[in-house]
Amino acid sequence: MLTSSSKTTPWLRDEVSRFDAEIPLDAAWLPPSSWYNDARFYELERDSVFRNNWLIAGREDQVRGPGDYVAGAITGEPYVIVRDGSQRLNAFFNVCRHHAAQVMSGAGCTESLVCPYHGWTYGLDGRLLKAPELGGVKDFDRGAFGLVPMTVESWCNLLFINMSKAPSPLAPQLAEVGARLRDMDVGRLQFVARRTYRLACNWKVYVDNYLDGGYHVNPIHPGLAGVLEYKDYKTVPD
């Protein structure tokens, strides 16, 4: 949640004061336009929202066995999730410690994580195993140059990552939605493919679409509207 204490600048205090999240829904307005088009606000969101909360990054059945990995990026921050030889899930900032090249891409199975730029090689636990031609560099400590870890947890077969240094536990935050998913028997679902869609909009516009209580369904999705009881469509807060 964004608050004026996040960064004590006059600009931020003014921006936060322009929106009151406590106003009842039937009397509320959307946030001001600057929250959607001011680059400074997006930078703030990257730090206070995306890099300090749990984010879905894949499915557990993508990393079933040793060496299985899946890589991606969220708000420009590359990540890689990999299962090591002890069947442990590990997640790292997917950035080589040498010249910051992206180490892995896509998904697959590998014996080690190898940077394509200079060949720095990391173990599935993130340790630096090989740095070609740097053996003679004075005071070079290989143990200090492993991939930077991030926290990863599996929940209902979904992989969540958290980029903050001391994340709060994931499961308590999802207790209620977890009960609903179990009732739907989502454990039977299997990963088939990943599709990426680039949307030319602020991320909050995309979220707004799912929070309008079905207001857009009749005009935009007539086929769906034909099989729904619109009066019973509702958005349930958690």
C-alpha atoms as a PDB file:
ATOM      1  CA  MET A   1       0.000   0.000   0.000  1.00  0.00           C
ATOM      2  CA  LEU A   2       1.255   3.459  -0.856  1.00  0.00           C
ATOM      3  CA  THR A   3       1.497   5.931   1.983  1.00  0.00           C
ATOM      4  CA  SER A   4       3.107   9.303   2.457  1.00  0.00           C
ATOM      5  CA  SER A   5       5.712   7.632   4.665  1.00  0.00           C
ATOM      6  CA  SER A   6       6.963   5.500   1.751  1.00  0.00           C
ATOM      7  CA  LYS A   7       9.194   8.368   0.610  1.00  0.00           C
ATOM      8  CA  THR A   8       9.050  11.662   2.424  1.00  0.00           C
ATOM      9  CA  THR A   9       8.987  14.037  -0.531  1.00  0.00           C
ATOM     10  CA  PRO A  10       6.514  16.909  -0.953  1.00  0.00           C
ATOM     11  CA  TRP A  11       5.474  15.516  -4.335  1.00  0.00           C
ATOM     12  CA  LEU A  12       4.581  12.134  -2.878  1.00  0.00           C
ATOM     13  CA  ARG A  13       2.734  13.569   0.099  1.00  0.00           C
ATOM     14  CA  ASP A  14       0.649  15.646  -2.300  1.00  0.00           C
ATOM     15  CA  GLU A  15      -0.048  12.682  -4.589  1.00  0.00           C
ATOM     16  CA  VAL A  16      -1.112  10.371  -1.770  1.00  0.00           C
ATOM     17  CA  SER A  17      -3.364  13.029  -0.262  1.00  0.00           C
ATOM     18  CA  ARG A  18      -5.314  13.222  -3.551  1.00  0.00           C
ATOM     19  CA  PHE A  19      -6.865   9.799  -3.046  1.00  0.00           C
ATOM     20  CA  ASP A  20      -8.675   8.370  -0.028  1.00  0.00           C
ATOM     21  CA  ALA A  21      -8.857   4.574  -0.115  1.00  0.00           C
ATOM     22  CA  GLU A  22     -11.219   4.551   2.878  1.00  0.00           C
ATOM     23  CA  ILE A  23     -14.152   6.150   1.040  1.00  0.00           C
ATOM     24  CA  PRO A  24     -17.010   3.616   0.597  1.00  0.00           C
ATOM     25  CA  LEU A  25     -17.161   2.107  -2.867  1.00  0.00           C
ATOM     26  CA  ASP A  26     -20.521   3.672  -3.754  1.00  0.00           C
ATOM     27  CA  ALA A  27     -19.051   7.137  -3.156  1.00  0.00           C
ATOM     28  CA  ALA A  28     -15.483   6.544  -4.400  1.00  0.00           C
ATOM     29  CA  TRP A  29     -13.563   7.903  -7.377  1.00  0.00           C
ATOM     30  CA  LEU A  30     -10.687   6.374  -9.272  1.00  0.00           C
ATOM     31  CA  PRO A  31      -7.181   7.571  -8.375  1.00  0.00           C
ATOM     32  CA  PRO A  32      -6.057  10.798 -10.093  1.00  0.00           C
ATOM     33  CA  SER A  33      -4.708  10.592 -13.642  1.00  0.00           C
ATOM     34  CA  SER A  34      -1.141  11.246 -12.464  1.00  0.00           C
ATOM     35  CA  TRP A  35      -1.191   7.831 -10.787  1.00  0.00           C
ATOM     36  CA  TYR A  36      -1.521   6.354 -14.275  1.00  0.00           C
ATOM     37  CA  ASN A  37       0.750   8.535 -16.395  1.00  0.00           C
ATOM     38  CA  ASP A  38       3.439  10.044 -14.155  1.00  0.00           C
ATOM     39  CA  ALA A  39       6.719   8.127 -14.552  1.00  0.00           C
ATOM     40  CA  ARG A  40       7.671   9.025 -10.983  1.00  0.00           C
ATOM     41  CA  PHE A  41       4.622   7.239  -9.693  1.00  0.00           C
ATOM     42  CA  TYR A  42       5.466   4.128 -11.672  1.00  0.00           C
ATOM     43  CA  GLU A  43       8.947   4.110 -10.142  1.00  0.00           C
ATOM     44  CA  LEU A  44       7.338   4.346  -6.724  1.00  0.00           C
ATOM     45  CA  GLU A  45       5.019   1.448  -7.539  1.00  0.00           C
ATOM     46  CA  ARG A  46       7.947  -0.692  -8.680  1.00  0.00           C
ATOM     47  CA  ASP A  47       9.591  -0.240  -5.276  1.00  0.00           C
ATOM     48  CA  SER A  48       6.599  -0.281  -2.931  1.00  0.00           C
ATOM     49  CA  VAL A  49       4.183  -2.641  -4.722  1.00  0.00           C
ATOM     50  CA  PHE A  50       5.948  -5.053  -7.057  1.00  0.00           C
ATOM     51  CA  ARG A  51       9.266  -5.436  -5.243  1.00  0.00           C
ATOM     52  CA  ASN A  52       7.748  -5.775  -1.786  1.00  0.00           C
ATOM     53  CA  ASN A  53       4.931  -8.237  -2.396  1.00  0.00           C
ATOM     54  CA  TRP A  54       4.465 -11.833  -3.484  1.00  0.00           C
ATOM     55  CA  LEU A  55       4.110 -12.212  -7.253  1.00  0.00           C
ATOM     56  CA  ILE A  56       3.126 -15.228  -9.338  1.00  0.00           C
ATOM     57  CA  ALA A  57       6.099 -16.277 -11.461  1.00  0.00           C
ATOM     58  CA  GLY A  58       5.266 -19.763 -12.750  1.00  0.00           C
ATOM     59  CA  ARG A  59       3.806 -23.164 -11.907  1.00  0.00           C
ATOM     60  CA  GLU A  60       5.418 -25.895  -9.860  1.00  0.00           C
ATOM     61  CA  ASP A  61       4.921 -28.484 -12.585  1.00  0.00           C
ATOM     62  CA  GLN A  62       7.334 -26.437 -14.720  1.00  0.00           C
ATOM     63  CA  VAL A  63      10.129 -27.291 -12.286  1.00  0.00           C
ATOM     64  CA  ARG A  64       9.419 -30.859 -11.242  1.00  0.00           C
ATOM     65  CA  GLY A  65      12.926 -32.320 -11.414  1.00  0.00           C
ATOM     66  CA  PRO A  66      16.540 -31.302 -10.739  1.00  0.00           C
ATOM     67  CA  GLY A  67      17.712 -28.684 -13.216  1.00  0.00           C
ATOM     68  CA  ASP A  68      14.226 -27.665 -14.333  1.00  0.00           C
ATOM     69  CA  TYR A  69      13.989 -23.887 -14.476  1.00  0.00           C
ATOM     70  CA  VAL A  70      11.693 -21.077 -15.555  1.00  0.00           C
ATOM     71  CA  ALA A  71      12.823 -17.495 -16.154  1.00  0.00           C
ATOM     72  CA  GLY A  72      10.980 -14.240 -16.660  1.00  0.00           C
ATOM     73  CA  ALA A  73      10.865 -10.595 -15.663  1.00  0.00           C
ATOM     74  CA  ILE A  74       8.523  -8.409 -13.634  1.00  0.00           C
ATOM     75  CA  THR A  75       8.698  -4.619 -14.049  1.00  0.00           C
ATOM     76  CA  GLY A  76      12.044  -5.080 -15.734  1.00  0.00           C
ATOM     77  CA  GLU A  77      13.557  -7.201 -12.955  1.00  0.00           C
ATOM     78  CA  PRO A  78      14.724 -10.576 -14.352  1.00  0.00           C
ATOM     79  CA  TYR A  79      14.239 -13.686 -12.216  1.00  0.00           C
ATOM     80  CA  VAL A  80      14.954 -17.390 -12.553  1.00  0.00           C
ATOM     81  CA  ILE A  81      13.454 -20.227 -10.514  1.00  0.00           C
ATOM     82  CA  VAL A  82      15.260 -23.574 -10.524  1.00  0.00           C
ATOM     83  CA  ARG A  83      15.058 -26.877  -8.671  1.00  0.00           C
ATOM     84  CA  ASP A  84      18.418 -28.149  -7.463  1.00  0.00           C
ATOM     85  CA  GLY A  85      19.731 -31.664  -6.967  1.00  0.00           C
ATOM     86  CA  SER A  86      18.240 -31.827  -3.478  1.00  0.00           C
ATOM     87  CA  GLN A  87      14.770 -31.084  -4.899  1.00  0.00           C
ATOM     88  CA  ARG A  88      14.874 -27.643  -3.311  1.00  0.00           C
ATOM     89  CA  LEU A  89      13.322 -24.678  -5.098  1.00  0.00           C
ATOM     90  CA  ASN A  90      15.655 -21.710  -5.508  1.00  0.00           C
ATOM     91  CA  ALA A  91      14.999 -18.288  -7.012  1.00  0.00           C
ATOM     92  CA  PHE A  92      17.541 -15.673  -8.015  1.00  0.00           C
ATOM     93  CA  PHE A  93      17.804 -12.271  -9.589  1.00  0.00           C
ATOM     94  CA  ASN A  94      18.625 -13.472 -13.094  1.00  0.00           C
ATOM     95  CA  VAL A  95      21.602 -11.147 -13.484  1.00  0.00           C
ATOM     96  CA  CYS A  96      25.221 -12.207 -13.875  1.00  0.00           C
ATOM     97  CA  ARG A  97      27.485 -10.790 -11.171  1.00  0.00           C
ATOM     98  CA  HIS A  98      30.103  -9.847 -13.767  1.00  0.00           C
ATOM     99  CA  HIS A  99      28.555  -7.467 -16.328  1.00  0.00           C
ATOM    100  CA  ALA A 100      24.877  -7.822 -15.400  1.00  0.00           C
ATOM    101  CA  ALA A 101      23.863  -9.862 -18.449  1.00  0.00           C
ATOM    102  CA  GLN A 102      20.730 -11.989 -18.166  1.00  0.00           C
ATOM    103  CA  VAL A 103      21.864 -15.513 -17.354  1.00  0.00           C
ATOM    104  CA  MET A 104      18.885 -17.714 -18.292  1.00  0.00           C
ATOM    105  CA  SER A 105      15.882 -17.255 -20.551  1.00  0.00           C
ATOM    106  CA  GLY A 106      12.658 -19.129 -21.181  1.00  0.00           C
ATOM    107  CA  ALA A 107      12.270 -22.498 -19.496  1.00  0.00           C
ATOM    108  CA  GLY A 108      13.914 -25.909 -19.693  1.00  0.00           C
ATOM    109  CA  CYS A 109      16.322 -28.201 -17.892  1.00  0.00           C
ATOM    110  CA  THR A 110      20.011 -27.517 -17.250  1.00  0.00           C
ATOM    111  CA  GLU A 111      22.940 -28.805 -15.217  1.00  0.00           C
ATOM    112  CA  SER A 112      24.119 -25.281 -14.390  1.00  0.00           C
ATOM    113  CA  LEU A 113      23.230 -21.651 -14.985  1.00  0.00           C
ATOM    114  CA  VAL A 114      25.619 -20.230 -17.578  1.00  0.00           C
ATOM    115  CA  CYS A 115      25.849 -16.567 -18.531  1.00  0.00           C
ATOM    116  CA  PRO A 116      25.948 -16.303 -22.353  1.00  0.00           C
ATOM    117  CA  TYR A 117      28.156 -13.208 -22.273  1.00  0.00           C
ATOM    118  CA  HIS A 118      31.395 -14.310 -20.595  1.00  0.00           C
ATOM    119  CA  GLY A 119      30.570 -17.852 -19.561  1.00  0.00           C
ATOM    120  CA  TRP A 120      30.341 -17.320 -15.812  1.00  0.00           C
ATOM    121  CA  THR A 121      28.786 -20.534 -14.521  1.00  0.00           C
ATOM    122  CA  TYR A 122      26.592 -20.876 -11.457  1.00  0.00           C
ATOM    123  CA  GLY A 123      25.340 -23.970  -9.659  1.00  0.00           C
ATOM    124  CA  LEU A 124      21.641 -24.683  -9.246  1.00  0.00           C
ATOM    125  CA  ASP A 125      22.066 -23.315  -5.730  1.00  0.00           C
ATOM    126  CA  GLY A 126      23.388 -20.011  -7.100  1.00  0.00           C
ATOM    127  CA  ARG A 127      27.054 -20.504  -6.175  1.00  0.00           C
ATOM    128  CA  LEU A 128      29.614 -19.256  -8.685  1.00  0.00           C
ATOM    129  CA  LEU A 129      31.339 -22.360 -10.011  1.00  0.00           C
ATOM    130  CA  LYS A 130      33.474 -20.965 -12.816  1.00  0.00           C
ATOM    131  CA  ALA A 131      34.689 -17.538 -13.902  1.00  0.00           C
ATOM    132  CA  PRO A 132      36.860 -18.119 -17.005  1.00  0.00           C
ATOM    133  CA  GLU A 133      40.326 -16.572 -16.954  1.00  0.00           C
ATOM    134  CA  LEU A 134      39.856 -14.843 -13.609  1.00  0.00           C
ATOM    135  CA  GLY A 135      41.839 -17.349 -11.561  1.00  0.00           C
ATOM    136  CA  GLY A 136      44.816 -15.023 -11.410  1.00  0.00           C
ATOM    137  CA  VAL A 137      42.920 -11.927 -10.332  1.00  0.00           C
ATOM    138  CA  LYS A 138      44.226 -10.802  -6.964  1.00  0.00           C
ATOM    139  CA  ASP A 139      41.809 -11.101  -4.021  1.00  0.00           C
ATOM    140  CA  PHE A 140      39.008 -12.463  -6.209  1.00  0.00           C
ATOM    141  CA  ASP A 141      36.605 -14.263  -3.848  1.00  0.00           C
ATOM    142  CA  ARG A 142      34.424 -16.625  -5.861  1.00  0.00           C
ATOM    143  CA  GLY A 143      32.172 -17.191  -2.857  1.00  0.00           C
ATOM    144  CA  ALA A 144      31.159 -13.538  -2.811  1.00  0.00           C
ATOM    145  CA  PHE A 145      29.883 -13.523  -6.391  1.00  0.00           C
ATOM    146  CA  GLY A 146      27.027 -16.001  -6.442  1.00  0.00           C
ATOM    147  CA  LEU A 147      23.651 -15.101  -7.891  1.00  0.00           C
ATOM    148  CA  VAL A 148      21.631 -12.878  -5.570  1.00  0.00           C
ATOM    149  CA  PRO A 149      18.774 -14.935  -4.105  1.00  0.00           C
ATOM    150  CA  MET A 150      15.150 -13.993  -3.763  1.00  0.00           C
ATOM    151  CA  THR A 151      12.448 -15.788  -1.796  1.00  0.00           C
ATOM    152  CA  VAL A 152      10.299 -18.389  -3.561  1.00  0.00           C
ATOM    153  CA  GLU A 153       7.336 -20.415  -2.317  1.00  0.00           C
ATOM    154  CA  SER A 154       4.974 -22.899  -3.894  1.00  0.00           C
ATOM    155  CA  TRP A 155       1.276 -22.504  -3.120  1.00  0.00           C
ATOM    156  CA  CYS A 156      -1.542 -24.458  -4.802  1.00  0.00           C
ATOM    157  CA  ASN A 157       0.977 -25.498  -7.490  1.00  0.00           C
ATOM    158  CA  LEU A 158       1.745 -21.846  -8.222  1.00  0.00           C
ATOM    159  CA  LEU A 159       5.232 -20.391  -7.787  1.00  0.00           C
ATOM    160  CA  PHE A 160       5.451 -17.055  -6.002  1.00  0.00           C
ATOM    161  CA  ILE A 161       8.547 -14.901  -5.673  1.00  0.00           C
ATOM    162  CA  ASN A 162       9.260 -11.975  -3.396  1.00  0.00           C
ATOM    163  CA  MET A 163      12.106  -9.573  -4.125  1.00  0.00           C
ATOM    164  CA  SER A 164      12.206  -7.900  -0.709  1.00  0.00           C
ATOM    165  CA  LYS A 165      14.809  -8.849   1.880  1.00  0.00           C
ATOM    166  CA  ALA A 166      12.369  -9.826   4.644  1.00  0.00           C
ATOM    167  CA  PRO A 167       9.024 -10.856   3.103  1.00  0.00           C
ATOM    168  CA  SER A 168       6.016 -11.629   5.248  1.00  0.00           C
ATOM    169  CA  PRO A 169       4.721 -15.241   5.067  1.00  0.00           C
ATOM    170  CA  LEU A 170       2.730 -16.022   1.940  1.00  0.00           C
ATOM    171  CA  ALA A 171       0.203 -18.621   3.114  1.00  0.00           C
ATOM    172  CA  PRO A 172      -1.663 -16.449   5.681  1.00  0.00           C
ATOM    173  CA  GLN A 173      -2.249 -13.796   3.031  1.00  0.00           C
ATOM    174  CA  LEU A 174      -3.951 -16.324   0.761  1.00  0.00           C
ATOM    175  CA  ALA A 175      -5.868 -18.364   3.325  1.00  0.00           C
ATOM    176  CA  GLU A 176      -9.350 -17.378   2.156  1.00  0.00           C
ATOM    177  CA  VAL A 177      -8.703 -17.640  -1.569  1.00  0.00           C
ATOM    178  CA  GLY A 178      -6.914 -20.916  -0.902  1.00  0.00           C
ATOM    179  CA  ALA A 179     -10.075 -22.433   0.521  1.00  0.00           C
ATOM    180  CA  ARG A 180     -11.981 -21.403  -2.605  1.00  0.00           C
ATOM    181  CA  LEU A 181      -9.367 -22.865  -4.919  1.00  0.00           C
ATOM    182  CA  ARG A 182      -9.371 -26.171  -3.053  1.00  0.00           C
ATOM    183  CA  ASP A 183     -13.140 -26.343  -3.499  1.00  0.00           C
ATOM    184  CA  MET A 184     -12.536 -25.965  -7.243  1.00  0.00           C
ATOM    185  CA  ASP A 185      -9.971 -28.801  -7.186  1.00  0.00           C
ATOM    186  CA  VAL A 186      -7.385 -26.689  -9.013  1.00  0.00           C
ATOM    187  CA  GLY A 187      -4.735 -29.253  -8.103  1.00  0.00           C
ATOM    188  CA  ARG A 188      -5.853 -31.264 -11.119  1.00  0.00           C
ATOM    189  CA  LEU A 189      -4.779 -28.533 -13.530  1.00  0.00           C
ATOM    190  CA  GLN A 190      -1.571 -29.147 -15.481  1.00  0.00           C
ATOM    191  CA  PHE A 191       0.736 -26.642 -17.139  1.00  0.00           C
ATOM    192  CA  VAL A 192       0.437 -26.758 -20.927  1.00  0.00           C
ATOM    193  CA  ALA A 193       1.922 -23.555 -22.352  1.00  0.00           C
ATOM    194  CA  ARG A 194       2.743 -19.973 -21.525  1.00  0.00           C
ATOM    195  CA  ARG A 195       1.421 -17.051 -23.549  1.00  0.00           C
ATOM    196  CA  THR A 196       2.648 -13.472 -23.214  1.00  0.00           C
ATOM    197  CA  TYR A 197       0.486 -10.501 -24.159  1.00  0.00           C
ATOM    198  CA  ARG A 198       1.777  -6.931 -24.189  1.00  0.00           C
ATOM    199  CA  LEU A 199      -0.914  -4.424 -23.283  1.00  0.00           C
ATOM    200  CA  ALA A 200      -0.506  -0.738 -24.065  1.00  0.00           C
ATOM    201  CA  CYS A 201      -1.914   0.443 -20.779  1.00  0.00           C
ATOM    202  CA  ASN A 202      -0.984   1.121 -17.196  1.00  0.00           C
ATOM    203  CA  TRP A 203      -1.174  -2.062 -15.127  1.00  0.00           C
ATOM    204  CA  LYS A 204      -3.898  -0.528 -12.932  1.00  0.00           C
ATOM    205  CA  VAL A 205      -6.188  -0.145 -15.955  1.00  0.00           C
ATOM    206  CA  TYR A 206      -5.930  -3.883 -16.512  1.00  0.00           C
ATOM    207  CA  VAL A 207      -6.756  -4.535 -12.863  1.00  0.00           C
ATOM    208  CA  ASP A 208      -9.657  -2.063 -12.987  1.00  0.00           C
ATOM    209  CA  ASN A 209     -11.200  -4.213 -15.716  1.00  0.00           C
ATOM    210  CA  TYR A 210     -11.578  -7.072 -13.255  1.00  0.00           C
ATOM    211  CA  LEU A 211     -12.911  -4.890 -10.462  1.00  0.00           C
ATOM    212  CA  ASP A 212     -15.877  -3.335 -12.241  1.00  0.00           C
ATOM    213  CA  GLY A 213     -18.340  -5.999 -11.136  1.00  0.00           C
ATOM    214  CA  GLY A 214     -18.981  -7.205 -14.668  1.00  0.00           C
ATOM    215  CA  TYR A 215     -19.972  -3.725 -15.873  1.00  0.00           C
ATOM    216  CA  HIS A 216     -18.109  -4.261 -19.163  1.00  0.00           C
ATOM    217  CA  VAL A 217     -19.318  -7.801 -19.849  1.00  0.00           C
ATOM    218  CA  ASN A 218     -22.560  -7.038 -21.704  1.00  0.00           C
ATOM    219  CA  PRO A 219     -21.038  -4.633 -24.288  1.00  0.00           C
ATOM    220  CA  ILE A 220     -17.667  -6.353 -24.758  1.00  0.00           C
ATOM    221  CA  HIS A 221     -18.460 -10.056 -24.257  1.00  0.00           C
ATOM    222  CA  PRO A 222     -21.985 -10.738 -25.530  1.00  0.00           C
ATOM    223  CA  GLY A 223     -21.260 -14.453 -25.784  1.00  0.00           C
ATOM    224  CA  LEU A 224     -20.222 -14.617 -22.145  1.00  0.00           C
ATOM    225  CA  ALA A 225     -23.105 -12.374 -21.122  1.00  0.00           C
ATOM    226  CA  GLY A 226     -25.482 -14.873 -22.686  1.00  0.00           C
ATOM    227  CA  VAL A 227     -24.485 -17.600 -20.231  1.00  0.00           C
ATOM    228  CA  LEU A 228     -24.172 -15.421 -17.114  1.00  0.00           C
ATOM    229  CA  GLU A 229     -26.777 -14.166 -14.710  1.00  0.00           C
ATOM    230  CA  TYR A 230     -25.588 -10.568 -14.779  1.00  0.00           C
ATOM    231  CA  LYS A 231     -27.530  -9.598 -11.666  1.00  0.00           C
ATOM    232  CA  ASP A 232     -25.599 -12.251  -9.733  1.00  0.00           C
ATOM    233  CA  TYR A 233     -22.158 -11.197 -11.043  1.00  0.00           C
ATOM    234  CA  LYS A 234     -20.136  -9.648  -8.276  1.00  0.00           C
ATOM    235  CA  THR A 235     -16.590  -8.825  -7.264  1.00  0.00           C
ATOM    236  CA  VAL A 236     -15.829 -10.162  -3.787  1.00  0.00           C
ATOM    237  CA  PRO A 237     -13.117  -8.331  -1.809  1.00  0.00           C
ATOM    238  CA  ASP A 238     -10.546 -10.351   0.149  1.00  0.00           C
END
